[in-house]
Each structure stands twice: as C-alpha cells, then as structure tokens.
C-alpha cells in the first residue's frame, strides 16, 4: 500500500484530537473528515483534513474509516457506510458496546474491524489508547497506520478484544475520577486559604508527576507511596484517613460499576 487514506466520521472532541494527532506525525497520510457540525468541520480542515459533505463521500475511496460518533448514532452511520466502502476498507469502532462481532454482523463477515478505546487526554497529546484487531489479515503498513492514529495522541497498546470492556472501565473512564480528585483537592486547598487556581495547578501537576514516576521508574505504586510516607510523618496520616474513608474501595467499586455498564451495552 502506498499513500494511505484515513477517514473520520465525527470530528468532535475525540475525532478532532485524533485528526490533529495523526496530522502532526507528518507521515503523508491523506485525511478526510465528515461531521454534522460546521464548526467541527472547519476545525478539522484547519488541521489539514479534507472536508467531505456526507458519510458516503468520506467513506468512499479510503483505506481506514474511524467511527468517532456517539454509540447511539452507530446504526444510522452504518446504514450509510454499508454500501459506500471498498471491501478492503478497515473500520475502526471507538464506541463501547460496538465490538468486532456486532460490526461484522452489520457490515459483513468479511469486513475487517478494529476496536479502539482512546480517552479524553488525547486532546492534549497525553491520551491512553488500546487497540484490538479482528482475527483477519492486515498488512504491516495497515497495522502501523491504525496504531499511528493513536500514537500521535499519546500512548497506545494492543490488547485482545475481550479485554476492551475492562480497558474502557479503567483508562476510558478514569480521567473523570482524576478530575474529581483534583477538584476535591482544590476545595480543601481553598478552605486552607490558597487561591483556587493555585490549588488546581498544585494538584494537577502533582498527579501528572506522580503518574510519570509510575511510568518511568518501573517501581510498584505502593513502593512509590511508601517513599513519600516517612515514619511518624504527615503523609502517612493522610493515607490512613483515606483508608478509613474507603478511598481505595471507592475506586474499585467505580471501575467495577463502569465495567458492568459496558457489559450491558
């Protein structure tokens, strides 16, 4: 395959972030986009995507189609896609509940389907994405192009499709939990007399740094936690208060709840 064309159906928050990410790689991909929102289309075109006037137009003569719309619109999009794509076009699903088997049922058993789960930090180049390829044949160029879509937006790993609901429950939803944590730190920091903007900066950068230490040090999170907790010090008192309040269990239950909902979908 020579020049690869990648088409986005949906150029909103996630679609737009991925368009920007793959454009920044400067690998010569041809990018097309369609969105019902004129504002989203203008933004996509400003990032060097070719604007298209319909789903059929964006899906024709393309190598990869990314369905970056909300799950409730998938049936409508599929109706337009079914007769518009080349048989060899790869379809990437970003929606929970829309896996390989369901999309093969809707688009044809021979259709090559990729299921992917990015998260919202992709908008700032710090996304965490997981990709699962169907059990079909993909060339090295095709697999690399699929992974490139998410590489430019942060970090990407390849997983088995049966693990995608767990990925969604963990990395897909967890940014919301992080924001609540930062907001809570902002509330108590404000109560202690710090300006709220200062609180958010302190909290967000601290979590960013802690995350980077986990990724780069290779140490277990518990070991890194223990490094902050000096004997008889202040941090261990805070950790004990968190444990007493059920902080750890609350996180576990939140992820379990999102996983159950994913299974329902």
Protein backbone atom coordinates (compact mmCIF):
# COMPACT_ATOMS: atom_id res chain seq x y z
CA UNK A 1 0.00 0.00 0.00
CA UNK A 2 1.37 3.38 -0.95
CA UNK A 3 -0.39 6.50 0.27
CA UNK A 4 -2.92 5.59 2.98
CA UNK A 5 -6.20 7.48 3.28
CA UNK A 6 -7.78 7.72 6.73
CA UNK A 7 -11.37 8.95 7.02
CA UNK A 8 -13.10 10.23 10.15
CA UNK A 9 -16.85 10.13 10.66
CA UNK A 10 -17.11 12.57 13.53
CA UNK A 11 -14.59 15.38 14.12
CA UNK A 12 -15.65 16.47 17.60
CA UNK A 13 -13.61 16.13 20.79
CA UNK A 14 -12.07 12.70 20.22
CA UNK A 15 -12.26 12.67 16.42
CA UNK A 16 -10.73 16.14 16.24
CA UNK A 17 -7.98 15.19 18.68
CA UNK A 18 -7.06 12.14 16.60
CA UNK A 19 -7.09 14.17 13.37
CA UNK A 20 -4.71 16.66 14.95
CA UNK A 21 -2.53 13.87 16.29
CA UNK A 22 -2.11 11.99 13.04
CA UNK A 23 -1.60 15.24 11.12
CA UNK A 24 1.27 16.09 13.46
CA UNK A 25 3.12 12.88 12.56
CA UNK A 26 3.84 14.22 9.05
CA UNK A 27 3.84 10.73 7.53
CA UNK A 28 1.95 11.65 4.39
CA UNK A 29 -1.41 10.17 5.33
CA UNK A 30 -4.38 11.60 3.43
CA UNK A 31 -7.02 12.57 5.99
CA UNK A 32 -10.70 13.07 5.22
CA UNK A 33 -13.42 14.09 7.66
CA UNK A 34 -17.16 14.49 7.95
CA UNK A 35 -19.17 15.94 10.82
CA UNK A 36 -22.70 17.33 11.02
CA UNK A 37 -21.26 20.34 12.87
CA UNK A 38 -19.88 23.06 10.61
CA UNK A 39 -17.65 24.24 13.47
CA UNK A 40 -16.12 20.78 13.84
CA UNK A 41 -15.59 20.57 10.08
CA UNK A 42 -13.82 23.94 9.97
CA UNK A 43 -11.56 22.83 12.81
CA UNK A 44 -10.76 19.55 11.03
CA UNK A 45 -9.95 21.39 7.81
CA UNK A 46 -7.65 23.75 9.71
CA UNK A 47 -5.69 20.63 10.70
CA UNK A 48 -5.27 19.65 7.03
CA UNK A 49 -8.18 17.23 6.77
CA UNK A 50 -10.16 17.18 3.53
CA UNK A 51 -13.72 18.17 4.37
CA UNK A 52 -16.45 15.95 2.95
CA UNK A 53 -20.14 16.69 2.59
CA UNK A 54 -21.57 13.31 3.55
CA UNK A 55 -20.80 9.97 5.18
CA UNK A 56 -20.85 8.32 1.77
CA UNK A 57 -18.32 10.79 0.42
CA UNK A 58 -15.91 10.45 3.32
CA UNK A 59 -16.15 6.64 3.27
CA UNK A 60 -15.53 6.16 -0.45
CA UNK A 61 -12.01 5.57 -1.80
CA UNK A 62 -10.47 5.26 1.64
CA UNK A 63 -8.34 2.67 3.42
CA UNK A 64 -9.45 3.23 7.02
CA UNK A 65 -12.73 4.60 8.43
CA UNK A 66 -12.89 5.74 12.05
CA UNK A 67 -16.38 5.88 13.57
CA UNK A 68 -15.86 8.73 16.04
CA UNK A 69 -19.52 9.38 16.84
CA UNK A 70 -21.61 8.57 19.90
CA UNK A 71 -22.86 4.95 20.15
CA UNK A 72 -26.50 5.96 19.64
CA UNK A 73 -25.64 7.15 16.13
CA UNK A 74 -23.86 4.00 15.02
CA UNK A 75 -26.89 2.36 13.41
CA UNK A 76 -27.56 5.47 11.35
CA UNK A 77 -23.92 5.73 10.28
CA UNK A 78 -23.74 2.04 9.41
CA UNK A 79 -26.69 2.40 7.04
CA UNK A 80 -24.69 4.99 5.10
CA UNK A 81 -21.42 3.06 5.31
CA UNK A 82 -22.64 -0.36 4.24
CA UNK A 83 -22.73 0.33 0.51
CA UNK A 84 -20.18 3.15 0.39
CA UNK A 85 -16.91 1.44 1.30
CA UNK A 86 -14.47 -0.63 -0.69
CA UNK A 87 -14.47 -4.27 0.51
CA UNK A 88 -10.90 -3.82 1.76
CA UNK A 89 -11.62 -0.73 3.88
CA UNK A 90 -10.82 -1.20 7.58
CA UNK A 91 -13.43 0.08 10.04
CA UNK A 92 -12.37 1.31 13.49
CA UNK A 93 -15.01 1.42 16.24
CA UNK A 94 -14.45 3.77 19.18
CA UNK A 95 -17.76 3.10 20.94
CA UNK A 96 -18.40 0.85 23.93
CA UNK A 97 -20.80 -1.93 23.07
CA UNK A 98 -19.87 -1.93 19.38
CA UNK A 99 -17.36 -4.73 19.09
CA UNK A 100 -15.99 -6.81 16.26
CA UNK A 101 -18.75 -9.42 16.07
CA UNK A 102 -21.59 -6.88 16.09
CA UNK A 103 -19.99 -4.73 13.41
CA UNK A 104 -19.25 -7.79 11.26
CA UNK A 105 -22.91 -8.71 11.61
CA UNK A 106 -23.93 -5.22 10.46
CA UNK A 107 -21.26 -4.60 7.80
CA UNK A 108 -20.48 -8.12 6.58
CA UNK A 109 -18.48 -11.03 7.94
CA UNK A 110 -15.58 -10.27 5.59
CA UNK A 111 -15.20 -6.70 6.87
CA UNK A 112 -12.01 -6.08 8.83
CA UNK A 113 -12.88 -4.42 12.14
CA UNK A 114 -10.63 -2.76 14.70
CA UNK A 115 -11.95 -1.85 18.12
CA UNK A 116 -10.18 1.02 19.88
CA UNK A 117 -10.63 2.92 23.13
CA UNK A 118 -8.86 6.29 23.44
CA UNK A 119 -9.52 8.69 26.31
CA UNK A 120 -10.03 12.44 26.51
CA UNK A 121 -6.41 13.39 27.40
CA UNK A 122 -5.75 12.59 23.73
CA UNK A 123 -6.83 16.20 23.21
CA UNK A 124 -3.58 17.37 24.82
CA UNK A 125 -1.33 14.63 23.45
CA UNK A 126 -1.39 12.58 26.66
CA UNK A 127 -4.05 10.03 25.75
CA UNK A 128 -4.04 6.35 26.67
CA UNK A 129 -5.48 4.18 23.89
CA UNK A 130 -5.95 0.46 23.49
CA UNK A 131 -6.45 -1.23 20.11
CA UNK A 132 -7.82 -4.69 19.30
CA UNK A 133 -7.61 -6.08 15.75
CA UNK A 134 -10.12 -8.62 14.45
CA UNK A 135 -8.79 -12.06 13.54
CA UNK A 136 -8.31 -11.08 9.91
CA UNK A 137 -5.24 -10.41 7.80
CA UNK A 138 -3.65 -6.97 7.98
CA UNK A 139 -0.52 -5.83 6.19
CA UNK A 140 2.28 -4.30 8.24
CA UNK A 141 1.51 -0.89 6.69
CA UNK A 142 -2.16 -1.19 7.62
CA UNK A 143 -1.48 -2.13 11.24
CA UNK A 144 1.08 0.62 11.56
CA UNK A 145 -1.35 3.20 10.15
CA UNK A 146 -4.05 2.13 12.63
CA UNK A 147 -1.63 2.41 15.54
CA UNK A 148 -0.31 5.76 14.24
CA UNK A 149 -3.80 7.26 14.58
CA UNK A 150 -3.45 6.84 18.35
CA UNK A 151 0.35 7.17 18.75
CA UNK A 152 0.23 10.84 17.89
CA UNK A 153 -2.30 11.42 20.68
CA UNK A 154 -0.23 9.83 23.45
CA UNK A 155 0.41 6.17 24.21
CA UNK A 156 -1.19 3.11 22.59
CA UNK A 157 -1.15 -0.59 23.44
CA UNK A 158 -2.54 -3.59 21.58
CA UNK A 159 -4.88 -5.90 23.53
CA UNK A 160 -7.25 -8.80 22.88
CA UNK A 161 -10.77 -7.68 22.06
CA UNK A 162 -12.29 -9.45 25.05
CA UNK A 163 -10.28 -7.08 27.27
CA UNK A 164 -11.71 -3.89 25.75
CA UNK A 165 -14.57 -3.50 28.24
CA UNK A 166 -12.04 -3.63 31.07
CA UNK A 167 -9.88 -1.06 29.26
CA UNK A 168 -12.90 1.22 28.87
CA UNK A 169 -13.75 0.90 32.56
CA UNK A 170 -10.17 1.69 33.58
CA UNK A 171 -8.48 4.18 31.25
CA UNK A 172 -11.54 5.26 29.30
CA UNK A 173 -13.48 6.48 32.35
CA UNK A 174 -10.70 7.15 34.86
CA UNK A 175 -9.96 10.74 33.71
CA UNK A 176 -13.31 11.69 35.26
CA UNK A 177 -12.19 10.22 38.59
CA UNK A 178 -8.93 12.14 38.35
CA UNK A 179 -10.81 15.38 37.75
CA UNK A 180 -12.97 14.76 40.83
CA UNK A 181 -9.81 14.16 42.88
CA UNK A 182 -8.26 17.40 41.60
CA UNK A 183 -11.49 19.29 42.29
CA UNK A 184 -11.62 17.90 45.83
CA UNK A 185 -8.02 18.95 46.45
CA UNK A 186 -8.97 22.37 45.14
CA UNK A 187 -11.84 22.60 47.62
CA UNK A 188 -9.74 21.76 50.66
CA UNK A 189 -6.86 23.91 49.44
CA UNK A 190 -9.25 26.84 49.11
CA UNK A 191 -10.56 26.16 52.60
CA UNK A 192 -6.96 26.30 53.83
CA UNK A 193 -6.51 29.75 52.30
CA UNK A 194 -4.92 29.08 48.93
CA UNK A 195 -6.33 30.67 45.76
CA UNK A 196 -8.41 28.10 43.86
CA UNK A 197 -6.39 28.45 40.66
CA UNK A 198 -3.23 27.79 42.65
CA UNK A 199 -4.82 24.70 44.21
CA UNK A 200 -5.70 23.24 40.81
CA UNK A 201 -2.21 23.90 39.48
CA UNK A 202 -0.62 22.28 42.53
CA UNK A 203 -2.95 19.27 42.39
CA UNK A 204 -2.86 18.67 38.63
CA UNK A 205 0.92 18.95 38.31
CA UNK A 206 1.39 16.72 41.34
CA UNK A 207 -0.77 13.98 39.79
CA UNK A 208 0.99 14.41 36.45
CA UNK A 209 4.36 14.00 38.15
CA UNK A 210 3.21 11.01 40.19
CA UNK A 211 1.92 9.33 37.04
CA UNK A 212 5.19 9.95 35.26
CA UNK A 213 7.10 8.38 38.14
CA UNK A 214 4.98 5.22 37.86
CA UNK A 215 5.59 5.02 34.10
CA UNK A 216 9.30 5.83 34.14
CA UNK A 217 10.64 4.42 37.40
CA UNK A 218 9.39 0.86 36.99
CA UNK A 219 8.59 0.83 40.70
CA UNK A 220 5.34 -0.55 42.14
CA UNK A 221 2.87 2.25 43.02
CA UNK A 222 2.88 1.01 46.62
CA UNK A 223 6.66 1.40 46.79
CA UNK A 224 6.43 4.95 45.45
CA UNK A 225 3.71 5.70 48.01
CA UNK A 226 5.92 4.39 50.80
CA UNK A 227 8.74 6.67 49.63
CA UNK A 228 6.53 9.68 50.45
CA UNK A 229 5.36 8.30 53.82
CA UNK A 230 8.14 8.99 56.32
CA UNK A 231 7.79 7.31 59.74
CA UNK A 232 5.66 9.42 62.07
CA UNK A 233 5.21 11.98 59.31
CA UNK A 234 2.28 13.86 57.80
CA UNK A 235 1.63 11.82 54.65
CA UNK A 236 1.03 8.52 56.43
CA UNK A 237 -1.67 10.24 58.49
CA UNK A 238 -3.37 11.27 55.26
CA UNK A 239 -3.06 7.75 53.84
CA UNK A 240 -4.63 6.33 57.00
CA UNK A 241 -7.52 8.81 56.68
CA UNK A 242 -8.04 7.76 53.05
CA UNK A 243 -8.12 4.09 54.03
CA UNK A 244 -10.54 4.81 56.87
CA UNK A 245 -12.84 6.63 54.42
CA UNK A 246 -12.78 3.74 51.96
CA UNK A 247 -10.88 5.62 49.23
CA UNK A 248 -9.31 2.52 47.71
CA UNK A 249 -12.58 0.58 47.73
CA UNK A 250 -14.46 3.53 46.24
CA UNK A 251 -12.12 3.47 43.23
CA UNK A 252 -12.52 -0.28 42.85
CA UNK A 253 -16.30 -0.02 43.01
CA UNK A 254 -16.36 2.85 40.49
CA UNK A 255 -14.39 0.86 37.91
CA UNK A 256 -16.49 -2.25 38.58
CA UNK A 257 -19.68 -0.23 38.01
CA UNK A 258 -18.46 1.10 34.66
CA UNK A 259 -17.41 -2.41 33.62
CA UNK A 260 -20.88 -3.77 34.40
CA UNK A 261 -22.44 -0.96 32.35
CA UNK A 262 -20.10 -1.72 29.43
CA UNK A 263 -21.23 -5.34 29.51
CA UNK A 264 -24.87 -4.23 29.41
CA UNK A 265 -24.15 -2.17 26.31
